[in-house]
Amino acid sequence: MTALAKSEAAQASLPADPMVSMIERLVMDPKSDLDKLERMLSMKERLDADSRKRMFNEAMSACQAEIAPIARNKRNSQTDSNYADLAAIYKAAKPILDRHGFSFSTFPASSEKQGYMGIRWVLRHSAGHEEADVAEIAMDDRGLKGNVNKTQTHAFGSTASYARRYLFCMIFDIATEDNDGNQRAPDTVSAEQFIALRTKLEESGMAPKLFHQAFGHKDPDNANLTEFPAARFSEAMERLSQYMLKKAQNDTPGANQ
């Protein structure tokens, strides 16, 4: 039985709503007060909306409790990190959504921001309540160094897929995790470590490409310090200090004499 059928069956089994009976009597009575009827109809609408929202919230809580962290099944060579693609996320989560009466849809939408794409998302529940909004996502048409690396058509598809994946996970509070120790992405530097590392690299004068090559990055031209392994932070700071010391010695007149 589908979630909608279950919802309809549950509603059919509920006792008659006394307010509905009262409204029906007022409608049938030619002497009824129309103002009173309108107030009752308005109250009925508010109560129904509150009931639908309550059922939505209860279903959301139960749904989130069932969705376990999803395995990261793909590898991003540019950032040297793992991620769960849209198909894997949908395969793991959508059957649970369906059992709890949810449907999730996304649509292209306009954006007032230059270089951004609008994505309208709608989350519906079988009880009748829905939530919707528009997210503005930067177009994914450039690499980490800011160079254009996609056609507009390719960028549209990439941005849409990225937005659907992240919006879906955000709305249902879905986490992802590595499940293969041989492919596990290392924990990356914290915000404070990133700032310290970037500052040290700039002070050293070392070319970023040379730095990432020294630490074995597969794509040093597109490497990003935000993805630098936290476990190698101290080593990187020490090697940059040694580089700066050696450079200072070489720049000192008579140092090589």
C-alpha atoms as a PDB file:
ATOM      1  CA  MET A   1       0.000   0.000   0.000  1.00  0.00           C
ATOM      2  CA  THR A   2       1.401   3.404  -0.944  1.00  0.00           C
ATOM      3  CA  ALA A   3       1.874   6.210   1.573  1.00  0.00           C
ATOM      4  CA  LEU A   4      -1.016   8.134   0.017  1.00  0.00           C
ATOM      5  CA  ALA A   5      -3.330   5.114   0.262  1.00  0.00           C
ATOM      6  CA  LYS A   6      -2.318   4.615   3.894  1.00  0.00           C
ATOM      7  CA  SER A   7      -3.034   8.269   4.636  1.00  0.00           C
ATOM      8  CA  GLU A   8      -6.451   8.082   2.976  1.00  0.00           C
ATOM      9  CA  ALA A   9      -7.284   4.871   4.834  1.00  0.00           C
ATOM     10  CA  ALA A  10      -6.266   6.417   8.151  1.00  0.00           C
ATOM     11  CA  GLN A  11      -8.385   9.495   7.486  1.00  0.00           C
ATOM     12  CA  ALA A  12     -11.364   7.330   6.541  1.00  0.00           C
ATOM     13  CA  SER A  13     -11.129   5.478   9.858  1.00  0.00           C
ATOM     14  CA  LEU A  14     -11.204   8.692  11.920  1.00  0.00           C
ATOM     15  CA  PRO A  15     -14.419   9.647  13.741  1.00  0.00           C
ATOM     16  CA  ALA A  16     -16.591  12.343  12.200  1.00  0.00           C
ATOM     17  CA  ASP A  17     -15.344  15.886  12.818  1.00  0.00           C
ATOM     18  CA  PRO A  18     -17.939  17.715  14.976  1.00  0.00           C
ATOM     19  CA  MET A  19     -16.938  21.040  13.443  1.00  0.00           C
ATOM     20  CA  VAL A  20     -17.733  19.701   9.973  1.00  0.00           C
ATOM     21  CA  SER A  21     -21.157  18.602  11.189  1.00  0.00           C
ATOM     22  CA  MET A  22     -21.764  22.054  12.655  1.00  0.00           C
ATOM     23  CA  ILE A  23     -20.700  23.764   9.431  1.00  0.00           C
ATOM     24  CA  GLU A  24     -22.978  21.491   7.439  1.00  0.00           C
ATOM     25  CA  ARG A  25     -25.920  22.449   9.646  1.00  0.00           C
ATOM     26  CA  LEU A  26     -25.198  26.132   9.202  1.00  0.00           C
ATOM     27  CA  VAL A  27     -24.943  25.748   5.434  1.00  0.00           C
ATOM     28  CA  MET A  28     -28.289  23.970   5.279  1.00  0.00           C
ATOM     29  CA  ASP A  29     -30.044  26.470   7.550  1.00  0.00           C
ATOM     30  CA  PRO A  30     -31.390  29.416   5.511  1.00  0.00           C
ATOM     31  CA  LYS A  31     -31.477  31.524   8.693  1.00  0.00           C
ATOM     32  CA  SER A  32     -27.834  30.927   9.594  1.00  0.00           C
ATOM     33  CA  ASP A  33     -25.469  33.817  10.319  1.00  0.00           C
ATOM     34  CA  LEU A  34     -23.098  34.115   7.346  1.00  0.00           C
ATOM     35  CA  ASP A  35     -20.452  35.915   9.415  1.00  0.00           C
ATOM     36  CA  LYS A  36     -20.464  33.051  11.905  1.00  0.00           C
ATOM     37  CA  LEU A  37     -20.206  30.562   9.059  1.00  0.00           C
ATOM     38  CA  GLU A  38     -17.205  32.375   7.581  1.00  0.00           C
ATOM     39  CA  ARG A  39     -15.487  32.469  10.986  1.00  0.00           C
ATOM     40  CA  MET A  40     -16.057  28.766  11.449  1.00  0.00           C
ATOM     41  CA  LEU A  41     -14.764  27.982   7.972  1.00  0.00           C
ATOM     42  CA  SER A  42     -11.659  30.083   8.653  1.00  0.00           C
ATOM     43  CA  MET A  43     -11.117  28.316  11.977  1.00  0.00           C
ATOM     44  CA  LYS A  44     -11.576  24.950  10.286  1.00  0.00           C
ATOM     45  CA  GLU A  45      -8.928  25.846   7.689  1.00  0.00           C
ATOM     46  CA  ARG A  46      -6.459  26.866  10.415  1.00  0.00           C
ATOM     47  CA  LEU A  47      -7.060  23.687  12.397  1.00  0.00           C
ATOM     48  CA  ASP A  48      -6.658  21.532   9.287  1.00  0.00           C
ATOM     49  CA  ALA A  49      -3.426  23.346   8.373  1.00  0.00           C
ATOM     50  CA  ASP A  50      -2.089  22.842  11.903  1.00  0.00           C
ATOM     51  CA  SER A  51      -2.992  19.160  11.741  1.00  0.00           C
ATOM     52  CA  ARG A  52      -1.251  18.707   8.376  1.00  0.00           C
ATOM     53  CA  LYS A  53       1.852  20.490   9.660  1.00  0.00           C
ATOM     54  CA  ARG A  54       1.900  18.323  12.792  1.00  0.00           C
ATOM     55  CA  MET A  55       1.671  15.154  10.693  1.00  0.00           C
ATOM     56  CA  PHE A  56       4.430  16.514   8.424  1.00  0.00           C
ATOM     57  CA  ASN A  57       6.717  17.170  11.413  1.00  0.00           C
ATOM     58  CA  GLU A  58       6.049  13.755  12.958  1.00  0.00           C
ATOM     59  CA  ALA A  59       6.750  12.020   9.647  1.00  0.00           C
ATOM     60  CA  MET A  60       9.942  14.059   9.156  1.00  0.00           C
ATOM     61  CA  SER A  61      11.221  13.082  12.585  1.00  0.00           C
ATOM     62  CA  ALA A  62      10.533   9.388  11.922  1.00  0.00           C
ATOM     63  CA  CYS A  63      12.030   9.586   8.439  1.00  0.00           C
ATOM     64  CA  GLN A  64      15.279  11.200   9.586  1.00  0.00           C
ATOM     65  CA  ALA A  65      15.628   8.618  12.338  1.00  0.00           C
ATOM     66  CA  GLU A  66      15.655   5.849   9.706  1.00  0.00           C
ATOM     67  CA  ILE A  67      18.132   7.359   7.241  1.00  0.00           C
ATOM     68  CA  ALA A  68      21.593   6.109   8.143  1.00  0.00           C
ATOM     69  CA  PRO A  69      24.786   7.842   6.928  1.00  0.00           C
ATOM     70  CA  ILE A  70      25.306   7.086   3.231  1.00  0.00           C
ATOM     71  CA  ALA A  71      28.576   5.682   1.898  1.00  0.00           C
ATOM     72  CA  ARG A  72      30.699   7.971  -0.276  1.00  0.00           C
ATOM     73  CA  ASN A  73      30.928   6.004  -3.503  1.00  0.00           C
ATOM     74  CA  LYS A  74      32.706   8.477  -5.811  1.00  0.00           C
ATOM     75  CA  ARG A  75      36.076  10.209  -5.897  1.00  0.00           C
ATOM     76  CA  ASN A  76      36.719  13.879  -6.770  1.00  0.00           C
ATOM     77  CA  SER A  77      40.198  13.985  -8.314  1.00  0.00           C
ATOM     78  CA  GLN A  78      40.393  17.783  -8.154  1.00  0.00           C
ATOM     79  CA  THR A  79      39.857  18.005  -4.392  1.00  0.00           C
ATOM     80  CA  ASP A  80      41.282  14.524  -3.700  1.00  0.00           C
ATOM     81  CA  SER A  81      38.204  13.616  -1.645  1.00  0.00           C
ATOM     82  CA  ASN A  82      35.321  11.144  -1.652  1.00  0.00           C
ATOM     83  CA  TYR A  83      31.636  11.972  -1.968  1.00  0.00           C
ATOM     84  CA  ALA A  84      28.256  10.258  -2.340  1.00  0.00           C
ATOM     85  CA  ASP A  85      26.676  10.911  -5.730  1.00  0.00           C
ATOM     86  CA  LEU A  86      22.995  11.716  -6.281  1.00  0.00           C
ATOM     87  CA  ALA A  87      22.094   8.190  -7.403  1.00  0.00           C
ATOM     88  CA  ALA A  88      23.563   6.629  -4.253  1.00  0.00           C
ATOM     89  CA  ILE A  89      21.781   9.137  -2.009  1.00  0.00           C
ATOM     90  CA  TYR A  90      18.439   8.638  -3.735  1.00  0.00           C
ATOM     91  CA  LYS A  91      18.785   4.842  -3.699  1.00  0.00           C
ATOM     92  CA  ALA A  92      19.389   4.806   0.050  1.00  0.00           C
ATOM     93  CA  ALA A  93      16.922   7.483   1.143  1.00  0.00           C
ATOM     94  CA  LYS A  94      13.970   7.694  -1.248  1.00  0.00           C
ATOM     95  CA  PRO A  95      12.353   4.370  -0.250  1.00  0.00           C
ATOM     96  CA  ILE A  96      12.315   5.666   3.337  1.00  0.00           C
ATOM     97  CA  LEU A  97      10.782   8.959   2.203  1.00  0.00           C
ATOM     98  CA  ASP A  98       8.077   7.097   0.355  1.00  0.00           C
ATOM     99  CA  ARG A  99       7.175   5.007   3.397  1.00  0.00           C
ATOM    100  CA  HIS A 100       6.657   8.175   5.397  1.00  0.00           C
ATOM    101  CA  GLY A 101       4.621   9.937   2.720  1.00  0.00           C
ATOM    102  CA  PHE A 102       7.215  12.388   1.366  1.00  0.00           C
ATOM    103  CA  SER A 103       7.994  13.417  -2.190  1.00  0.00           C
ATOM    104  CA  PHE A 104      10.798  15.779  -3.192  1.00  0.00           C
ATOM    105  CA  SER A 105      11.029  17.731  -6.454  1.00  0.00           C
ATOM    106  CA  THR A 106      13.351  20.347  -7.925  1.00  0.00           C
ATOM    107  CA  PHE A 107      12.837  22.750 -10.829  1.00  0.00           C
ATOM    108  CA  PRO A 108      14.997  25.345 -12.617  1.00  0.00           C
ATOM    109  CA  ALA A 109      14.218  28.889 -11.485  1.00  0.00           C
ATOM    110  CA  SER A 110      15.448  32.372 -12.311  1.00  0.00           C
ATOM    111  CA  SER A 111      18.177  34.055 -10.279  1.00  0.00           C
ATOM    112  CA  GLU A 112      18.909  37.758  -9.935  1.00  0.00           C
ATOM    113  CA  LYS A 113      22.576  37.039  -9.189  1.00  0.00           C
ATOM    114  CA  GLN A 114      24.951  37.092 -12.143  1.00  0.00           C
ATOM    115  CA  GLY A 115      26.600  33.707 -12.610  1.00  0.00           C
ATOM    116  CA  TYR A 116      24.084  31.915 -10.399  1.00  0.00           C
ATOM    117  CA  MET A 117      21.367  29.376 -11.131  1.00  0.00           C
ATOM    118  CA  GLY A 118      18.062  29.244  -9.271  1.00  0.00           C
ATOM    119  CA  ILE A 119      16.765  25.881  -8.060  1.00  0.00           C
ATOM    120  CA  ARG A 120      13.215  25.722  -6.724  1.00  0.00           C
ATOM    121  CA  TRP A 121      12.645  22.786  -4.390  1.00  0.00           C
ATOM    122  CA  VAL A 122       9.319  21.452  -3.131  1.00  0.00           C
ATOM    123  CA  LEU A 123       8.878  18.929  -0.332  1.00  0.00           C
ATOM    124  CA  ARG A 124       5.355  17.483  -0.128  1.00  0.00           C
ATOM    125  CA  HIS A 125       3.742  15.212   2.429  1.00  0.00           C
ATOM    126  CA  SER A 126       0.774  12.924   1.808  1.00  0.00           C
ATOM    127  CA  ALA A 127      -1.179  14.644   4.605  1.00  0.00           C
ATOM    128  CA  GLY A 128      -1.304  17.760   2.433  1.00  0.00           C
ATOM    129  CA  HIS A 129       1.420  19.990   3.905  1.00  0.00           C
ATOM    130  CA  GLU A 130       4.343  21.165   1.771  1.00  0.00           C
ATOM    131  CA  GLU A 131       7.473  23.283   2.142  1.00  0.00           C
ATOM    132  CA  ALA A 132       9.143  25.100  -0.760  1.00  0.00           C
ATOM    133  CA  ASP A 133      11.810  27.703  -1.479  1.00  0.00           C
ATOM    134  CA  VAL A 134      14.356  28.786  -4.091  1.00  0.00           C
ATOM    135  CA  ALA A 135      18.102  28.309  -3.617  1.00  0.00           C
ATOM    136  CA  GLU A 136      20.622  30.269  -5.668  1.00  0.00           C
ATOM    137  CA  ILE A 137      23.689  28.201  -6.567  1.00  0.00           C
ATOM    138  CA  ALA A 138      26.865  29.507  -8.217  1.00  0.00           C
ATOM    139  CA  MET A 139      27.291  28.051 -11.722  1.00  0.00           C
ATOM    140  CA  ASP A 140      29.794  25.197 -11.746  1.00  0.00           C
ATOM    141  CA  ASP A 141      31.659  26.294 -14.869  1.00  0.00           C
ATOM    142  CA  ARG A 142      35.151  26.934 -13.492  1.00  0.00           C
ATOM    143  CA  GLY A 143      38.002  24.998 -11.928  1.00  0.00           C
ATOM    144  CA  LEU A 144      39.638  25.707  -8.577  1.00  0.00           C
ATOM    145  CA  LYS A 145      41.916  28.308 -10.166  1.00  0.00           C
ATOM    146  CA  GLY A 146      38.982  30.205 -11.664  1.00  0.00           C
ATOM    147  CA  ASN A 147      39.479  29.110 -15.289  1.00  0.00           C
ATOM    148  CA  VAL A 148      36.412  28.220 -17.372  1.00  0.00           C
ATOM    149  CA  ASN A 149      36.402  24.430 -17.790  1.00  0.00           C
ATOM    150  CA  LYS A 150      32.863  23.589 -19.002  1.00  0.00           C
ATOM    151  CA  THR A 151      30.420  24.517 -21.722  1.00  0.00           C
ATOM    152  CA  GLN A 152      27.256  26.295 -20.538  1.00  0.00           C
ATOM    153  CA  THR A 153      25.222  23.148 -21.154  1.00  0.00           C
ATOM    154  CA  HIS A 154      27.637  21.023 -19.141  1.00  0.00           C
ATOM    155  CA  ALA A 155      27.751  23.665 -16.398  1.00  0.00           C
ATOM    156  CA  PHE A 156      23.942  23.689 -16.203  1.00  0.00           C
ATOM    157  CA  GLY A 157      23.804  19.924 -15.688  1.00  0.00           C
ATOM    158  CA  SER A 158      26.665  19.915 -13.205  1.00  0.00           C
ATOM    159  CA  THR A 159      25.179  22.766 -11.169  1.00  0.00           C
ATOM    160  CA  ALA A 160      21.715  21.187 -11.141  1.00  0.00           C
ATOM    161  CA  SER A 161      23.095  17.824  -9.972  1.00  0.00           C
ATOM    162  CA  TYR A 162      25.212  19.493  -7.290  1.00  0.00           C
ATOM    163  CA  ALA A 163      22.232  21.536  -6.062  1.00  0.00           C
ATOM    164  CA  ARG A 164      19.850  18.568  -5.951  1.00  0.00           C
ATOM    165  CA  ARG A 165      22.370  16.500  -4.011  1.00  0.00           C
ATOM    166  CA  TYR A 166      23.154  19.144  -1.417  1.00  0.00           C
ATOM    167  CA  LEU A 167      19.601  20.445  -1.010  1.00  0.00           C
ATOM    168  CA  PHE A 168      18.255  16.919  -0.536  1.00  0.00           C
ATOM    169  CA  CYS A 169      20.873  16.117   2.098  1.00  0.00           C
ATOM    170  CA  MET A 170      20.386  19.444   3.869  1.00  0.00           C
ATOM    171  CA  ILE A 171      16.593  19.155   4.039  1.00  0.00           C
ATOM    172  CA  PHE A 172      16.652  15.607   5.416  1.00  0.00           C
ATOM    173  CA  ASP A 173      19.852  16.159   7.436  1.00  0.00           C
ATOM    174  CA  ILE A 174      21.633  13.288   5.685  1.00  0.00           C
ATOM    175  CA  ALA A 175      25.270  12.583   6.495  1.00  0.00           C
ATOM    176  CA  THR A 176      27.757  10.742   4.290  1.00  0.00           C
ATOM    177  CA  GLU A 177      30.724   8.639   5.351  1.00  0.00           C
ATOM    178  CA  ASP A 178      33.562   6.574   3.937  1.00  0.00           C
ATOM    179  CA  ASN A 179      33.163   2.795   4.199  1.00  0.00           C
ATOM    180  CA  ASP A 180      36.424   1.578   2.617  1.00  0.00           C
ATOM    181  CA  GLY A 181      39.611   2.073   4.578  1.00  0.00           C
ATOM    182  CA  ASN A 182      41.703   1.840   1.409  1.00  0.00           C
ATOM    183  CA  GLN A 183      39.892   4.775  -0.185  1.00  0.00           C
ATOM    184  CA  ARG A 184      39.118   6.879   2.877  1.00  0.00           C
ATOM    185  CA  ALA A 185      39.600  10.608   2.324  1.00  0.00           C
ATOM    186  CA  PRO A 186      41.786  12.137   5.053  1.00  0.00           C
ATOM    187  CA  ASP A 187      40.350  14.643   7.513  1.00  0.00           C
ATOM    188  CA  THR A 188      41.114  18.101   6.194  1.00  0.00           C
ATOM    189  CA  VAL A 189      42.609  21.103   7.976  1.00  0.00           C
ATOM    190  CA  SER A 190      40.413  23.224  10.200  1.00  0.00           C
ATOM    191  CA  ALA A 191      39.617  26.840   9.327  1.00  0.00           C
ATOM    192  CA  GLU A 192      42.367  28.050  11.687  1.00  0.00           C
ATOM    193  CA  GLN A 193      44.908  25.616  10.235  1.00  0.00           C
ATOM    194  CA  PHE A 194      43.943  26.613   6.704  1.00  0.00           C
ATOM    195  CA  ILE A 195      44.571  30.312   7.478  1.00  0.00           C
ATOM    196  CA  ALA A 196      47.886  29.527   9.155  1.00  0.00           C
ATOM    197  CA  LEU A 197      48.992  27.299   6.283  1.00  0.00           C
ATOM    198  CA  ARG A 198      47.964  29.782   3.607  1.00  0.00           C
ATOM    199  CA  THR A 199      49.751  32.618   5.436  1.00  0.00           C
ATOM    200  CA  LYS A 200      52.894  30.524   5.847  1.00  0.00           C
ATOM    201  CA  LEU A 201      52.864  29.522   2.174  1.00  0.00           C
ATOM    202  CA  GLU A 202      52.488  33.139   1.070  1.00  0.00           C
ATOM    203  CA  GLU A 203      55.277  34.296   3.392  1.00  0.00           C
ATOM    204  CA  SER A 204      57.580  31.568   2.135  1.00  0.00           C
ATOM    205  CA  GLY A 205      57.259  32.615  -1.493  1.00  0.00           C
ATOM    206  CA  MET A 206      56.996  28.968  -2.549  1.00  0.00           C
ATOM    207  CA  ALA A 207      54.852  28.407  -5.640  1.00  0.00           C
ATOM    208  CA  PRO A 208      51.583  26.663  -4.641  1.00  0.00           C
ATOM    209  CA  LYS A 209      52.098  24.106  -7.407  1.00  0.00           C
ATOM    210  CA  LEU A 210      55.525  23.207  -6.023  1.00  0.00           C
ATOM    211  CA  PHE A 211      54.069  22.905  -2.522  1.00  0.00           C
ATOM    212  CA  HIS A 212      51.324  20.512  -3.598  1.00  0.00           C
ATOM    213  CA  GLN A 213      53.756  18.492  -5.711  1.00  0.00           C
ATOM    214  CA  ALA A 214      55.966  18.089  -2.655  1.00  0.00           C
ATOM    215  CA  PHE A 215      53.038  16.563  -0.778  1.00  0.00           C
ATOM    216  CA  GLY A 216      52.094  14.209  -3.603  1.00  0.00           C
ATOM    217  CA  HIS A 217      48.895  15.855  -4.826  1.00  0.00           C
ATOM    218  CA  LYS A 218      47.713  14.168  -8.026  1.00  0.00           C
ATOM    219  CA  ASP A 219      46.579  17.445  -9.630  1.00  0.00           C
ATOM    220  CA  PRO A 220      48.797  20.222  -8.214  1.00  0.00           C
ATOM    221  CA  ASP A 221      47.496  22.829 -10.681  1.00  0.00           C
ATOM    222  CA  ASN A 222      43.984  22.535  -9.232  1.00  0.00           C
ATOM    223  CA  ALA A 223      44.827  21.675  -5.622  1.00  0.00           C
ATOM    224  CA  ASN A 224      43.064  23.526  -2.828  1.00  0.00           C
ATOM    225  CA  LEU A 225      44.537  24.157   0.619  1.00  0.00           C
ATOM    226  CA  THR A 226      41.115  23.693   2.203  1.00  0.00           C
ATOM    227  CA  GLU A 227      41.428  19.981   1.303  1.00  0.00           C
ATOM    228  CA  PHE A 228      44.930  19.602   2.774  1.00  0.00           C
ATOM    229  CA  PRO A 229      45.147  16.610   5.174  1.00  0.00           C
ATOM    230  CA  ALA A 230      45.019  17.708   8.809  1.00  0.00           C
ATOM    231  CA  ALA A 231      47.429  14.907   9.758  1.00  0.00           C
ATOM    232  CA  ARG A 232      50.169  16.558   7.679  1.00  0.00           C
ATOM    233  CA  PHE A 233      49.598  20.127   8.865  1.00  0.00           C
ATOM    234  CA  SER A 234      52.540  20.195  11.308  1.00  0.00           C
ATOM    235  CA  GLU A 235      54.816  18.608   8.728  1.00  0.00           C
ATOM    236  CA  ALA A 236      53.800  21.203   6.132  1.00  0.00           C
ATOM    237  CA  MET A 237      54.409  24.120   8.509  1.00  0.00           C
ATOM    238  CA  GLU A 238      57.840  22.737   9.427  1.00  0.00           C
ATOM    239  CA  ARG A 239      58.854  22.161   5.809  1.00  0.00           C
ATOM    240  CA  LEU A 240      57.772  25.680   4.882  1.00  0.00           C
ATOM    241  CA  SER A 241      59.834  27.067   7.780  1.00  0.00           C
ATOM    242  CA  GLN A 242      62.866  25.116   6.564  1.00  0.00           C
ATOM    243  CA  TYR A 243      62.260  26.382   3.034  1.00  0.00           C
ATOM    244  CA  MET A 244      62.140  29.971   4.307  1.00  0.00           C
ATOM    245  CA  LEU A 245      65.309  29.500   6.363  1.00  0.00           C
ATOM    246  CA  LYS A 246      67.207  27.987   3.450  1.00  0.00           C
ATOM    247  CA  LYS A 247      65.991  30.742   1.132  1.00  0.00           C
ATOM    248  CA  ALA A 248      67.098  33.408   3.599  1.00  0.00           C
ATOM    249  CA  GLN A 249      70.552  31.815   3.866  1.00  0.00           C
ATOM    250  CA  ASN A 250      70.909  31.674   0.090  1.00  0.00           C
ATOM    251  CA  ASP A 251      69.855  35.305  -0.215  1.00  0.00           C
ATOM    252  CA  THR A 252      72.414  36.438   2.400  1.00  0.00           C
ATOM    253  CA  PRO A 253      75.535  37.953   0.731  1.00  0.00           C
ATOM    254  CA  GLY A 254      78.533  35.668   1.181  1.00  0.00           C
ATOM    255  CA  ALA A 255      76.395  32.798   2.443  1.00  0.00           C
ATOM    256  CA  ASN A 256      77.706  30.440  -0.227  1.00  0.00           C
ATOM    257  CA  GLN A 257      81.322  31.559   0.035  1.00  0.00           C
END
